Amino acid sequence: MIHDQPGPNPAASIPAGPAREWLAAAPAEEVAEGLDAAADPGAAVTGLVRLLEAAPRPPARGRVAPLLRLLGGSPALTAALVAEGEGWPALLDAALAMASRDPAAHRAALEAAGVAGPLPRAELQAQLRRYRRRELVRIGGRDLLGLATVDETVREITALAEGVTEAAVAGARARLAAEWGEDWAGDRPGGFVVLGMGKLGGGELNYSSDVDLLYVYERDGADARGRTHREFFARLAEEVTRALRDVTPEGFCFRVDLRLRPGGGEGPLAVSLGAALSYYEAFGQTWERAAWLKARPVAGDRALGAALLHELLRFVYRRYLDFATIEDLQVMKRRVDASLRDPGARARDVKLGRGGIREVEFVVQAQQLVHGGKDPRLQERSTLGALVKLSASGYMGAEQAAALAGAYRFLRDVEHKLQIVHERQTHLVPRDAGEIAALARRLGFRGADAVAAALFHGPAEERRRERDPEIDALLEGLDDAPATHARLERLGFADPTAARRELRLLRDGPPHAPASPRRREALAVLAPTLLAEIARSAAPDHVLRHLATFFSTVGARTSYLHLLLENLGVMRLLVRLFATSEFLSQFFLRHPELLDSLVRADLVQIVRGRGSMAEELGARLAAAPDLEAELDTL
């Protein structure tokens, strides 16, 4: 909740102590400027009390307004300043300095602090956490004070994660080598690389992102005592993971997600180069190809990482596209849509909601998977960089790419301003009016109405209008008979009991030939669009009954579903046919193979001229070998 706005004399509203004394004597114009710009002026005063009680070092002239803005913008940054004690003014100065740091600068700073040596685990963890906390003040402070763009902020957070991970690898490996002996020092057992996946690989981390890591070592082997490379590097992977994600009295560095490794959560923590290549060749799936779009070495032996990426290039970017890939992409999209079932949360979620961050990323990654094998220009890790290349290469219109890039930057900025408050992994815009007002001020808006308009009447709202939530709810709750009957009636079905029976037949298949998982997934992708067309037709009950019969007739053959998935015009023509002509419907149901002929563009246009039909008929008759074949053609 937002605290009350302090009065004209904020010193009068706080207890006696260093903060009250300092505020009473501070430059009034700087105090007014800072409180006016703070997202939560009351939190700014409360934070100042905490800070000066912990370390009574009043800010220098010219630092008052930015300090109050920072304290009023983030309790998490306030806590980090308080934890720094007497050294907090240096952290504020670092935030105000117009300087960024790359991974090399972080590695150098951590090496200078002795982190690369064989420190005990607890000491390594403490050093990394203190360093990360100080850098969070610098990066988050620049963000809140408007001194960094969204692009710069994600780049800075990513560079910090990369530098800290590199230091964790160096420190953990030095300690393990000291324990295991000289044979395990340096690169004697071979290289070891940490690959950053997801937003870490793409250079797009936010304040509370998981870091998706994958550990690979060069080769299998063993020492004279029988201790294997696999054991050593699994232990190293465990130590690096603990160095980053263990919660200690100093907090944690980053949440670590290792589920993208071969075998997922059940696979070994570290895999050899050969084992990784064998896994993706034999078992790699489309979602894993999407995960590898952003992969890059972030720590350890980068040459080893580059070799792995080179070998996997043909797996990630295939030169030829098949129906299975398209179907997999559509199933992935369906899962994105289904990830939020609460309509209220869906409307407020800037990441997973419709028109949100994940949807922009999905559009880009799908284009890369489809076209990147034939056009290497699209082999780009960052979402924004890929949008530029998609536009420049003609795969996306310039206006569309610019609109997506603008929406993506804005939503990422909202995401940052939500997470910087308490450093929590949240993507939900608050409901409380006061909290929305504070969010607006963090974003640079002067009122809650402006940020609400940008969020709820921009790209997300346009996307929400594309899908009928009534249909989504119907498909998700098909087994709930009373609710389904009510929804079907609202959609215009005269016999909801029969309609529900037909929908379940479509979903599950007939008892003698139940639908395969692959067919059910494909139908789940098609169903929302198909059901919307049925509901808009002249006879929804007839159309649904005929479609259920049609799909029961073709049985397990998913090729018909693929045709409808890729040819929405054909789907609409089929719905119209089933709605308007019982004679043609029955003829079509007796000959479902005719669906192939409907894919032709000239038939989908519905109206054909006399000359066009005569020309086609003449060509077919000329090709007939005898009179019987001519009669069949007619």
Foldseek 3Di string as FASTA:
>chain_A
DADDQADLQNLVVDDDDLLSVCSVVDDSVLLVLQLLLALHSVQLSVLSVLQCVQAVDDDDPVLSNLSSNLSRQAPLLSVLLSVVHNPSNVLSVLLVDLDADALVRLLVVCVVVVLLAQDPLVVNLLSLLNVLSSVCSNLVSCLLVVNDALLRSLLRLLRSVLNSLQSQLSRLQNNLCVVVDDCSPDQNLFWKFKKWWDSSLQSGDFLADATEIAIEGADWDADPVRHIPLNSSLVSLVSSQCSAAPQDPSGGHHHYAHQLYQVGPPDRRYYYLVVRLVSCVVPNDLVSLLRLLRMATRHIDRVSRVVSCVSCVCSNAPPDDDLVNVLVLLLVVLCLQVVDPPVVQLLFFQDSHALHQVVLSSVLSSVCNHCCNPPVLQSHNHSLSNLVSCCVVVVDPPVVSVQSVVSNSVLSSLQNSVCSHHVDNGRGQDPDLSSLSSSCSSVVHNGSVVVCCCRCVGSSVVRVVVFDVLQVVLVVPLVPQVSNLVSVVVLPAPDSVVLSVLVVCCQFPDPVFGEDPSLNSLCSSVVRVLLNLLSPAPHNVQLSVLVSLQCNVVGHDCVLSSLCVVQVLLSNVSSRCSRPDPVVSVVCSVPVVCSVVCSDPVVSVVDDDPVVVVVVLVVLCVPQPDDVSNVVSD
